[in-house]
C-alpha atoms as a PDB file:
ATOM      1  CA  MET A   1      61.242   6.253  -1.120  1.00  0.00           C
ATOM      2  CA  ASP A   2      62.672   8.733  -3.582  1.00  0.00           C
ATOM      3  CA  PRO A   3      65.908   8.083  -5.534  1.00  0.00           C
ATOM      4  CA  ILE A   4      67.876  10.722  -3.605  1.00  0.00           C
ATOM      5  CA  LEU A   5      67.189   8.998  -0.264  1.00  0.00           C
ATOM      6  CA  LEU A   6      67.983   5.602  -1.742  1.00  0.00           C
ATOM      7  CA  ALA A   7      71.272   6.889  -3.166  1.00  0.00           C
ATOM      8  CA  TRP A   8      72.246   8.389   0.198  1.00  0.00           C
ATOM      9  CA  LEU A   9      71.407   5.167   2.025  1.00  0.00           C
ATOM     10  CA  ARG A  10      73.380   3.102  -0.470  1.00  0.00           C
ATOM     11  CA  ALA A  11      76.331   5.455  -0.078  1.00  0.00           C
ATOM     12  CA  GLN A  12      76.247   4.830   3.683  1.00  0.00           C
ATOM     13  CA  LEU A  13      75.437   1.105   3.639  1.00  0.00           C
ATOM     14  CA  GLY A  14      76.837  -0.212   0.358  1.00  0.00           C
ATOM     15  CA  THR A  15      75.214  -1.156  -2.913  1.00  0.00           C
ATOM     16  CA  ALA A  16      74.543  -4.754  -1.842  1.00  0.00           C
ATOM     17  CA  THR A  17      71.892  -3.594   0.642  1.00  0.00           C
ATOM     18  CA  ASP A  18      68.388  -4.703  -0.388  1.00  0.00           C
ATOM     19  CA  GLU A  19      66.309  -1.792  -1.713  1.00  0.00           C
ATOM     20  CA  GLN A  20      63.001  -3.287  -0.567  1.00  0.00           C
ATOM     21  CA  ASP A  21      64.358  -3.769   2.950  1.00  0.00           C
ATOM     22  CA  LEU A  22      65.495  -0.126   3.020  1.00  0.00           C
ATOM     23  CA  ALA A  23      62.090   1.048   1.770  1.00  0.00           C
ATOM     24  CA  ALA A  24      60.264  -1.004   4.434  1.00  0.00           C
ATOM     25  CA  ARG A  25      62.530   0.343   7.174  1.00  0.00           C
ATOM     26  CA  TYR A  26      62.080   3.904   5.924  1.00  0.00           C
ATOM     27  CA  ALA A  27      58.299   3.499   5.933  1.00  0.00           C
ATOM     28  CA  ARG A  28      58.479   2.228   9.530  1.00  0.00           C
ATOM     29  CA  LEU A  29      61.095   4.645  10.908  1.00  0.00           C
ATOM     30  CA  GLY A  30      60.522   7.788   8.816  1.00  0.00           C
ATOM     31  CA  ARG A  31      64.126   9.104   8.657  1.00  0.00           C
ATOM     32  CA  ALA A  32      67.047   7.996   6.481  1.00  0.00           C
ATOM     33  CA  ARG A  33      69.595   8.549   9.266  1.00  0.00           C
ATOM     34  CA  VAL A  34      67.624   6.258  11.609  1.00  0.00           C
ATOM     35  CA  VAL A  35      67.393   3.593   8.898  1.00  0.00           C
ATOM     36  CA  ALA A  36      71.167   3.715   8.374  1.00  0.00           C
ATOM     37  CA  ALA A  37      71.792   3.547  12.120  1.00  0.00           C
ATOM     38  CA  GLU A  38      69.500   0.522  12.474  1.00  0.00           C
ATOM     39  CA  VAL A  39      71.159  -1.384   9.619  1.00  0.00           C
ATOM     40  CA  LEU A  40      74.644  -0.615  10.944  1.00  0.00           C
ATOM     41  CA  ALA A  41      73.626  -1.634  14.481  1.00  0.00           C
ATOM     42  CA  GLU A  42      72.335  -4.964  13.141  1.00  0.00           C
ATOM     43  CA  ARG A  43      75.609  -5.528  11.296  1.00  0.00           C
ATOM     44  CA  ARG A  44      77.524  -4.733  14.496  1.00  0.00           C
ATOM     45  CA  ALA A  45      75.363  -7.133  16.514  1.00  0.00           C
ATOM     46  CA  LYS A  46      75.932  -9.860  13.931  1.00  0.00           C
ATOM     47  CA  LEU A  47      79.702  -9.407  14.213  1.00  0.00           C
ATOM     48  CA  LEU A  48      79.528  -9.502  18.011  1.00  0.00           C
ATOM     49  CA  ALA A  49      77.478 -12.705  17.962  1.00  0.00           C
ATOM     50  CA  GLU A  50      80.378 -14.556  16.334  1.00  0.00           C
ATOM     51  CA  PRO A  51      83.951 -14.863  17.615  1.00  0.00           C
ATOM     52  CA  LEU A  52      85.964 -11.837  16.503  1.00  0.00           C
ATOM     53  CA  ARG A  53      89.167 -13.820  16.130  1.00  0.00           C
ATOM     54  CA  MET A  54      89.670 -17.437  15.159  1.00  0.00           C
ATOM     55  CA  THR A  55      92.971 -19.195  14.589  1.00  0.00           C
ATOM     56  CA  VAL A  56      93.643 -22.665  13.257  1.00  0.00           C
ATOM     57  CA  ASP A  57      97.334 -23.220  13.972  1.00  0.00           C
ATOM     58  CA  GLY A  58      99.383 -23.233  10.825  1.00  0.00           C
ATOM     59  CA  VAL A  59      96.338 -23.015   8.565  1.00  0.00           C
ATOM     60  CA  VAL A  60      94.350 -19.782   8.854  1.00  0.00           C
ATOM     61  CA  THR A  61      93.673 -16.796  11.091  1.00  0.00           C
ATOM     62  CA  ILE A  62      90.472 -14.809  10.790  1.00  0.00           C
ATOM     63  CA  ASP A  63      90.301 -11.481  12.627  1.00  0.00           C
ATOM     64  CA  GLN A  64      87.104  -9.390  12.494  1.00  0.00           C
ATOM     65  CA  SER A  65      88.096  -6.809  15.123  1.00  0.00           C
ATOM     66  CA  ASN A  66      89.021  -4.193  12.496  1.00  0.00           C
ATOM     67  CA  ASN A  67      85.617  -4.642  10.855  1.00  0.00           C
ATOM     68  CA  LEU A  68      83.954  -4.074  14.220  1.00  0.00           C
ATOM     69  CA  ALA A  69      85.995  -0.926  14.850  1.00  0.00           C
ATOM     70  CA  GLY A  70      85.102   0.352  11.383  1.00  0.00           C
ATOM     71  CA  LEU A  71      81.382  -0.208  11.967  1.00  0.00           C
ATOM     72  CA  GLU A  72      81.558   1.591  15.304  1.00  0.00           C
ATOM     73  CA  ARG A  73      83.301   4.570  13.644  1.00  0.00           C
ATOM     74  CA  GLN A  74      80.671   4.607  10.911  1.00  0.00           C
ATOM     75  CA  ILE A  75      77.835   4.557  13.468  1.00  0.00           C
ATOM     76  CA  ALA A  76      79.457   7.427  15.385  1.00  0.00           C
ATOM     77  CA  GLY A  77      80.000   9.367  12.145  1.00  0.00           C
ATOM     78  CA  LEU A  78      76.306   9.266  11.205  1.00  0.00           C
ATOM     79  CA  ALA A  79      75.618  12.154  13.581  1.00  0.00           C
ATOM     80  CA  GLU A  80      77.899  14.444  11.554  1.00  0.00           C
ATOM     81  CA  LEU A  81      76.390  13.620   8.148  1.00  0.00           C
ATOM     82  CA  VAL A  82      73.513  15.516   6.591  1.00  0.00           C
ATOM     83  CA  ALA A  83      70.785  13.220   5.317  1.00  0.00           C
ATOM     84  CA  PRO A  84      68.541  14.373   2.449  1.00  0.00           C
ATOM     85  CA  ASP A  85      65.428  14.264   4.638  1.00  0.00           C
ATOM     86  CA  ASP A  86      66.922  16.160   7.595  1.00  0.00           C
ATOM     87  CA  PRO A  87      65.062  19.378   8.378  1.00  0.00           C
ATOM     88  CA  ALA A  88      66.925  22.506   7.258  1.00  0.00           C
ATOM     89  CA  ALA A  89      68.242  24.940   9.834  1.00  0.00           C
ATOM     90  CA  GLY A  90      65.373  27.099  11.047  1.00  0.00           C
ATOM     91  CA  GLU A  91      62.761  24.728   9.646  1.00  0.00           C
ATOM     92  CA  ALA A  92      59.993  23.688  11.982  1.00  0.00           C
ATOM     93  CA  SER A  93      60.595  20.338  13.575  1.00  0.00           C
ATOM     94  CA  ALA A  94      57.974  17.659  14.001  1.00  0.00           C
ATOM     95  CA  ASP A  95      59.232  16.767  17.471  1.00  0.00           C
ATOM     96  CA  LEU A  96      56.623  16.883  20.187  1.00  0.00           C
ATOM     97  CA  VAL A  97      57.258  17.937  23.732  1.00  0.00           C
ATOM     98  CA  THR A  98      55.019  16.768  26.524  1.00  0.00           C
ATOM     99  CA  ALA A  99      54.602  18.255  29.955  1.00  0.00           C
ATOM    100  CA  PRO A 100      52.611  16.908  32.873  1.00  0.00           C
ATOM    101  CA  LEU A 101      49.520  18.825  33.907  1.00  0.00           C
ATOM    102  CA  LEU A 102      49.425  19.774  37.546  1.00  0.00           C
ATOM    103  CA  SER A 103      46.330  20.755  39.429  1.00  0.00           C
ATOM    104  CA  SER A 104      46.360  24.295  40.701  1.00  0.00           C
ATOM    105  CA  ARG A 105      45.894  24.764  44.418  1.00  0.00           C
ATOM    106  CA  ARG A 106      44.163  27.788  45.644  1.00  0.00           C
ATOM    107  CA  THR A 107      45.798  29.151  48.741  1.00  0.00           C
ATOM    108  CA  ARG A 108      44.221  31.857  50.842  1.00  0.00           C
END
């Protein structure tokens, strides 16, 4: 993974994100935006697996609901960002389209 992609991913995910993990995900997924979406989705799932709010009367209150809302906004905002490996406008895309083959019937 080149330094520009790594810098973009760290800008989206934070500097504490493991570089080797990002490189392995990029090798598997092929796009920086998809890597960022996967990491953010895992963070969201981790938050949802635990209680969002916990209160010990008179001692402490922990509320993770704002963190969850922030992650959801960040995931939604990924679609608007331009990743370094996104194809430029007018550039050929590598997407494949498939269509079923139908047998032709001769009618007389």
